[in-house]
Amino acid sequence: KPGDLIITVKLKSHPLYNLDGANVLANLYISHAQSVIGDTMYLKVLGEQIEIKIPEKTRNKDRMVIKNKGYAIDNSDRGDLIVTYIIQPTDNLSERERKIYEQLLKVEKQKMKEKVGKKFV
């Protein structure tokens, strides 16, 4: 006699992505320079290469929602890809990078002096 077939599917965790319903959550690790200037990176999500734009002036933990790039619920509905930008600390600076940061610090201090006056900087 025919009966019901019950299939249980268990999803394994992934080191880069999590599911929230049909939405795929991803952390995208970016540098300070990328956060200030902006950039383009690519993520491979569910077998698809997706271009991710990092907007100029991105702050740590800012989010971007990319519609219909999440998990497929059925043949017609798909969740979103939600990307959280994580700004990486600057470790192991090369001598050249250190000099660039020192120059940037000087420029920032000069800008602050002009803005608030010498006695505060």
N, C-alpha and C. Protein backbone atom coordinates (compact mmCIF):
# COMPACT_ATOMS: atom_id res chain seq x y z
N LYS A 1 0.85 -1.18 0.00
CA LYS A 1 0.00 0.00 0.00
C LYS A 1 0.89 1.24 0.00
N PRO A 2 0.66 2.23 -0.87
CA PRO A 2 1.47 3.44 -0.92
C PRO A 2 1.33 4.24 0.38
N GLY A 3 2.44 4.85 0.79
CA GLY A 3 2.44 5.68 2.00
C GLY A 3 3.15 7.01 1.75
N ASP A 4 3.38 7.74 2.81
CA ASP A 4 4.06 9.02 2.70
C ASP A 4 5.57 8.81 2.79
N LEU A 5 6.30 9.61 2.03
CA LEU A 5 7.75 9.63 2.11
C LEU A 5 8.14 10.91 2.84
N ILE A 6 8.83 10.78 3.94
CA ILE A 6 9.24 11.94 4.72
C ILE A 6 10.76 12.05 4.63
N ILE A 7 11.22 13.21 4.16
CA ILE A 7 12.65 13.45 4.02
C ILE A 7 13.04 14.58 4.96
N THR A 8 14.06 14.34 5.76
CA THR A 8 14.58 15.36 6.66
C THR A 8 15.92 15.83 6.11
N VAL A 9 16.04 17.14 5.94
CA VAL A 9 17.28 17.72 5.43
C VAL A 9 17.93 18.53 6.54
N LYS A 10 19.21 18.26 6.79
CA LYS A 10 19.96 19.04 7.76
C LYS A 10 21.05 19.80 7.01
N LEU A 11 21.08 21.11 7.24
CA LEU A 11 22.10 21.93 6.61
C LEU A 11 23.32 22.02 7.51
N LYS A 12 24.48 21.83 6.94
CA LYS A 12 25.72 21.98 7.69
C LYS A 12 26.05 23.46 7.81
N SER A 13 26.72 23.82 8.90
CA SER A 13 27.14 25.21 9.03
C SER A 13 28.26 25.48 8.04
N HIS A 14 28.39 26.75 7.68
CA HIS A 14 29.41 27.18 6.73
C HIS A 14 30.29 28.22 7.43
N PRO A 15 31.59 28.21 7.21
CA PRO A 15 32.45 29.17 7.92
C PRO A 15 32.23 30.64 7.52
N LEU A 16 31.67 30.88 6.34
CA LEU A 16 31.51 32.26 5.87
C LEU A 16 30.06 32.74 5.86
N TYR A 17 29.12 31.83 5.74
CA TYR A 17 27.72 32.22 5.55
C TYR A 17 26.83 31.58 6.60
N ASN A 18 25.73 32.28 6.91
CA ASN A 18 24.69 31.75 7.77
C ASN A 18 23.35 31.96 7.09
N LEU A 19 22.38 31.17 7.46
CA LEU A 19 21.02 31.34 6.95
C LEU A 19 20.14 31.96 8.02
N ASP A 20 19.30 32.88 7.60
CA ASP A 20 18.26 33.44 8.45
C ASP A 20 16.99 33.32 7.63
N GLY A 21 16.27 32.21 7.81
CA GLY A 21 15.16 31.91 6.91
C GLY A 21 15.75 31.63 5.54
N ALA A 22 15.30 32.36 4.54
CA ALA A 22 15.84 32.21 3.19
C ALA A 22 16.95 33.21 2.89
N ASN A 23 17.22 34.11 3.84
CA ASN A 23 18.27 35.10 3.63
C ASN A 23 19.64 34.50 3.97
N VAL A 24 20.61 34.80 3.14
CA VAL A 24 21.98 34.38 3.39
C VAL A 24 22.71 35.58 4.00
N LEU A 25 23.32 35.36 5.17
CA LEU A 25 24.07 36.40 5.86
C LEU A 25 25.56 36.15 5.65
N ALA A 26 26.28 37.19 5.25
CA ALA A 26 27.71 37.04 5.00
C ALA A 26 28.46 38.22 5.58
N ASN A 27 29.59 37.94 6.22
CA ASN A 27 30.50 39.00 6.65
C ASN A 27 31.55 39.17 5.56
N LEU A 28 31.79 40.42 5.17
CA LEU A 28 32.81 40.71 4.18
C LEU A 28 33.90 41.52 4.87
N TYR A 29 35.09 40.94 4.95
CA TYR A 29 36.20 41.59 5.65
C TYR A 29 36.93 42.52 4.69
N ILE A 30 37.02 43.80 5.09
CA ILE A 30 37.61 44.82 4.23
C ILE A 30 38.68 45.59 4.99
N SER A 31 39.53 46.28 4.24
CA SER A 31 40.60 47.07 4.84
C SER A 31 40.12 48.49 5.13
N HIS A 32 40.94 49.22 5.87
CA HIS A 32 40.62 50.63 6.14
C HIS A 32 40.54 51.40 4.83
N ALA A 33 41.49 51.16 3.93
CA ALA A 33 41.49 51.87 2.66
C ALA A 33 40.22 51.59 1.87
N GLN A 34 39.79 50.35 1.83
CA GLN A 34 38.55 50.01 1.12
C GLN A 34 37.36 50.70 1.75
N SER A 35 37.36 50.82 3.08
CA SER A 35 36.23 51.45 3.75
C SER A 35 36.18 52.95 3.47
N VAL A 36 37.31 53.58 3.29
CA VAL A 36 37.35 55.01 3.05
C VAL A 36 37.09 55.34 1.58
N ILE A 37 37.77 54.65 0.70
CA ILE A 37 37.73 54.98 -0.73
C ILE A 37 36.63 54.24 -1.47
N GLY A 38 36.27 53.03 -0.99
CA GLY A 38 35.32 52.19 -1.71
C GLY A 38 36.08 51.21 -2.59
N ASP A 39 35.39 50.16 -3.00
CA ASP A 39 36.04 49.12 -3.81
C ASP A 39 34.97 48.17 -4.32
N THR A 40 35.40 47.20 -5.08
CA THR A 40 34.53 46.13 -5.55
C THR A 40 35.18 44.80 -5.21
N MET A 41 34.40 43.90 -4.65
CA MET A 41 34.88 42.55 -4.34
C MET A 41 33.86 41.56 -4.87
N TYR A 42 34.20 40.29 -4.82
CA TYR A 42 33.30 39.26 -5.31
C TYR A 42 33.14 38.17 -4.26
N LEU A 43 31.91 37.72 -4.09
CA LEU A 43 31.60 36.61 -3.20
C LEU A 43 30.98 35.50 -4.02
N LYS A 44 31.37 34.28 -3.73
CA LYS A 44 30.72 33.13 -4.37
C LYS A 44 29.67 32.63 -3.39
N VAL A 45 28.40 32.79 -3.77
CA VAL A 45 27.27 32.43 -2.91
C VAL A 45 26.36 31.48 -3.68
N LEU A 46 26.16 30.31 -3.12
CA LEU A 46 25.29 29.31 -3.72
C LEU A 46 25.65 29.07 -5.19
N GLY A 47 26.95 28.96 -5.45
CA GLY A 47 27.44 28.66 -6.78
C GLY A 47 27.47 29.82 -7.75
N GLU A 48 27.12 31.01 -7.29
CA GLU A 48 27.08 32.19 -8.17
C GLU A 48 28.09 33.23 -7.69
N GLN A 49 28.87 33.77 -8.62
CA GLN A 49 29.83 34.83 -8.32
C GLN A 49 29.06 36.16 -8.30
N ILE A 50 29.05 36.84 -7.14
CA ILE A 50 28.27 38.06 -6.99
C ILE A 50 29.20 39.23 -6.72
N GLU A 51 29.01 40.29 -7.51
CA GLU A 51 29.81 41.50 -7.33
C GLU A 51 29.27 42.29 -6.14
N ILE A 52 30.15 42.64 -5.22
CA ILE A 52 29.77 43.40 -4.04
C ILE A 52 30.47 44.75 -4.11
N LYS A 53 29.70 45.80 -4.11
CA LYS A 53 30.25 47.15 -4.11
C LYS A 53 30.44 47.59 -2.66
N ILE A 54 31.62 48.08 -2.37
CA ILE A 54 31.90 48.66 -1.06
C ILE A 54 31.81 50.17 -1.26
N PRO A 55 30.78 50.79 -0.71
CA PRO A 55 30.62 52.23 -0.92
C PRO A 55 31.72 53.03 -0.22
N GLU A 56 32.02 54.18 -0.78
CA GLU A 56 32.92 55.13 -0.14
C GLU A 56 32.36 55.47 1.24
N LYS A 57 33.22 55.64 2.22
CA LYS A 57 32.86 55.99 3.60
C LYS A 57 32.07 54.89 4.32
N THR A 58 32.34 53.64 4.00
CA THR A 58 31.69 52.52 4.68
C THR A 58 32.18 52.45 6.11
N ARG A 59 31.26 52.24 7.03
CA ARG A 59 31.61 52.10 8.45
C ARG A 59 31.55 50.63 8.85
N ASN A 60 32.26 50.32 9.92
CA ASN A 60 32.26 48.96 10.43
C ASN A 60 30.83 48.52 10.75
N LYS A 61 30.46 47.36 10.31
CA LYS A 61 29.16 46.72 10.52
C LYS A 61 28.03 47.36 9.71
N ASP A 62 28.36 48.25 8.75
CA ASP A 62 27.34 48.67 7.79
C ASP A 62 26.88 47.45 7.02
N ARG A 63 25.65 47.49 6.54
CA ARG A 63 25.09 46.34 5.81
C ARG A 63 24.63 46.75 4.43
N MET A 64 24.67 45.78 3.52
CA MET A 64 24.12 45.95 2.19
C MET A 64 23.22 44.75 1.91
N VAL A 65 22.04 45.02 1.38
CA VAL A 65 21.11 43.95 1.04
C VAL A 65 21.07 43.81 -0.48
N ILE A 66 21.33 42.61 -0.96
CA ILE A 66 21.27 42.33 -2.38
C ILE A 66 20.07 41.41 -2.60
N LYS A 67 19.06 41.96 -3.20
CA LYS A 67 17.77 41.26 -3.35
C LYS A 67 17.90 40.00 -4.21
N ASN A 68 17.16 38.99 -3.82
CA ASN A 68 17.01 37.74 -4.59
C ASN A 68 18.31 37.00 -4.86
N LYS A 69 19.28 37.12 -3.96
CA LYS A 69 20.53 36.37 -4.10
C LYS A 69 20.75 35.43 -2.92
N GLY A 70 19.68 35.16 -2.17
CA GLY A 70 19.76 34.26 -1.03
C GLY A 70 19.36 32.85 -1.40
N TYR A 71 18.89 32.13 -0.42
CA TYR A 71 18.51 30.72 -0.57
C TYR A 71 17.17 30.63 -1.27
N ALA A 72 17.02 29.65 -2.13
CA ALA A 72 15.77 29.46 -2.87
C ALA A 72 14.78 28.69 -2.00
N ILE A 73 13.64 29.32 -1.72
CA ILE A 73 12.59 28.67 -0.94
C ILE A 73 11.88 27.63 -1.81
N ASP A 74 11.49 28.04 -2.97
CA ASP A 74 10.94 27.12 -3.97
C ASP A 74 11.36 27.65 -5.33
N ASN A 75 10.71 27.23 -6.37
CA ASN A 75 11.14 27.63 -7.72
C ASN A 75 10.97 29.12 -8.00
N SER A 76 10.11 29.80 -7.23
CA SER A 76 9.84 31.20 -7.57
C SER A 76 10.38 32.20 -6.55
N ASP A 77 10.48 31.83 -5.30
CA ASP A 77 10.90 32.78 -4.26
C ASP A 77 12.33 32.51 -3.83
N ARG A 78 13.05 33.60 -3.63
CA ARG A 78 14.42 33.50 -3.17
C ARG A 78 14.66 34.58 -2.14
N GLY A 79 15.42 34.26 -1.11
CA GLY A 79 15.75 35.25 -0.09
C GLY A 79 16.79 36.23 -0.60
N ASP A 80 17.26 37.08 0.32
CA ASP A 80 18.24 38.10 -0.03
C ASP A 80 19.62 37.71 0.51
N LEU A 81 20.64 38.30 -0.06
CA LEU A 81 21.99 38.21 0.47
C LEU A 81 22.21 39.47 1.29
N ILE A 82 22.53 39.31 2.56
CA ILE A 82 22.76 40.45 3.45
C ILE A 82 24.23 40.43 3.84
N VAL A 83 24.96 41.44 3.36
CA VAL A 83 26.40 41.52 3.57
C VAL A 83 26.68 42.54 4.68
N THR A 84 27.46 42.12 5.67
CA THR A 84 27.91 43.02 6.73
C THR A 84 29.40 43.28 6.52
N TYR A 85 29.76 44.56 6.41
CA TYR A 85 31.15 44.93 6.20
C TYR A 85 31.88 44.94 7.55
N ILE A 86 32.98 44.23 7.62
CA ILE A 86 33.79 44.18 8.83
C ILE A 86 35.17 44.75 8.48
N ILE A 87 35.51 45.88 9.11
CA ILE A 87 36.79 46.51 8.83
C ILE A 87 37.86 45.81 9.66
N GLN A 88 38.85 45.27 8.98
CA GLN A 88 39.91 44.52 9.63
C GLN A 88 40.91 45.46 10.30
N PRO A 89 41.38 45.10 11.49
CA PRO A 89 42.46 45.90 12.08
C PRO A 89 43.71 45.79 11.21
N THR A 90 44.49 46.83 11.21
CA THR A 90 45.70 46.85 10.39
C THR A 90 46.85 46.25 11.19
N ASP A 91 47.14 44.99 10.91
CA ASP A 91 48.22 44.28 11.59
C ASP A 91 49.42 44.14 10.65
N ASN A 92 50.57 43.95 11.22
CA ASN A 92 51.78 43.65 10.45
C ASN A 92 52.02 44.65 9.32
N LEU A 93 52.05 45.93 9.67
CA LEU A 93 52.29 46.95 8.66
C LEU A 93 53.69 46.85 8.08
N SER A 94 53.79 47.01 6.78
CA SER A 94 55.11 47.14 6.17
C SER A 94 55.62 48.54 6.49
N GLU A 95 56.89 48.77 6.27
CA GLU A 95 57.46 50.10 6.52
C GLU A 95 56.79 51.14 5.63
N ARG A 96 56.52 50.78 4.40
CA ARG A 96 55.85 51.71 3.47
C ARG A 96 54.45 52.07 3.96
N GLU A 97 53.68 51.06 4.40
CA GLU A 97 52.34 51.31 4.92
C GLU A 97 52.40 52.20 6.16
N ARG A 98 53.35 51.94 7.03
CA ARG A 98 53.49 52.75 8.25
C ARG A 98 53.75 54.21 7.90
N LYS A 99 54.62 54.46 6.91
CA LYS A 99 54.91 55.83 6.50
C LYS A 99 53.67 56.50 5.92
N ILE A 100 52.89 55.76 5.17
CA ILE A 100 51.65 56.32 4.61
C ILE A 100 50.68 56.69 5.73
N TYR A 101 50.55 55.81 6.72
CA TYR A 101 49.67 56.12 7.87
C TYR A 101 50.20 57.32 8.66
N GLU A 102 51.50 57.43 8.81
CA GLU A 102 52.08 58.59 9.50
C GLU A 102 51.76 59.88 8.74
N GLN A 103 51.87 59.84 7.41
CA GLN A 103 51.53 61.01 6.60
C GLN A 103 50.05 61.35 6.75
N LEU A 104 49.20 60.33 6.74
CA LEU A 104 47.77 60.54 6.91
C LEU A 104 47.47 61.17 8.27
N LEU A 105 48.13 60.69 9.31
CA LEU A 105 47.94 61.25 10.65
C LEU A 105 48.33 62.73 10.69
N LYS A 106 49.44 63.09 10.05
CA LYS A 106 49.85 64.49 9.99
C LYS A 106 48.78 65.34 9.30
N VAL A 107 48.26 64.85 8.19
CA VAL A 107 47.22 65.58 7.45
C VAL A 107 45.97 65.74 8.32
N GLU A 108 45.58 64.66 9.00
CA GLU A 108 44.39 64.72 9.87
C GLU A 108 44.59 65.72 11.01
N LYS A 109 45.78 65.73 11.61
CA LYS A 109 46.06 66.68 12.70
C LYS A 109 46.02 68.12 12.19
N GLN A 110 46.58 68.35 11.02
CA GLN A 110 46.57 69.70 10.44
C GLN A 110 45.13 70.13 10.16
N LYS A 111 44.35 69.24 9.65
CA LYS A 111 42.94 69.53 9.36
C LYS A 111 42.19 69.87 10.65
N MET A 112 42.48 69.13 11.73
CA MET A 112 41.84 69.38 13.02
C MET A 112 42.26 70.74 13.57
N LYS A 113 43.55 71.08 13.45
CA LYS A 113 44.03 72.38 13.91
C LYS A 113 43.28 73.51 13.22
N GLU A 114 43.11 73.36 11.93
CA GLU A 114 42.41 74.39 11.16
C GLU A 114 40.95 74.49 11.57
N LYS A 115 40.39 73.38 11.97
CA LYS A 115 38.97 73.34 12.32
C LYS A 115 38.70 73.89 13.72
N VAL A 116 39.49 73.45 14.71
CA VAL A 116 39.18 73.80 16.11
C VAL A 116 40.21 74.72 16.76
N GLY A 117 41.31 74.96 16.11
CA GLY A 117 42.31 75.84 16.69
C GLY A 117 43.46 75.05 17.29
N LYS A 118 44.62 75.69 17.34
CA LYS A 118 45.87 75.04 17.79
C LYS A 118 45.81 74.52 19.21
N LYS A 119 45.14 75.23 20.10
CA LYS A 119 45.21 74.85 21.52
C LYS A 119 44.52 73.53 21.84
N PHE A 120 43.72 73.01 20.95
CA PHE A 120 43.02 71.76 21.22
C PHE A 120 43.70 70.54 20.63
N VAL A 121 44.74 70.73 19.83
CA VAL A 121 45.39 69.59 19.18
C VAL A 121 46.81 69.46 19.65
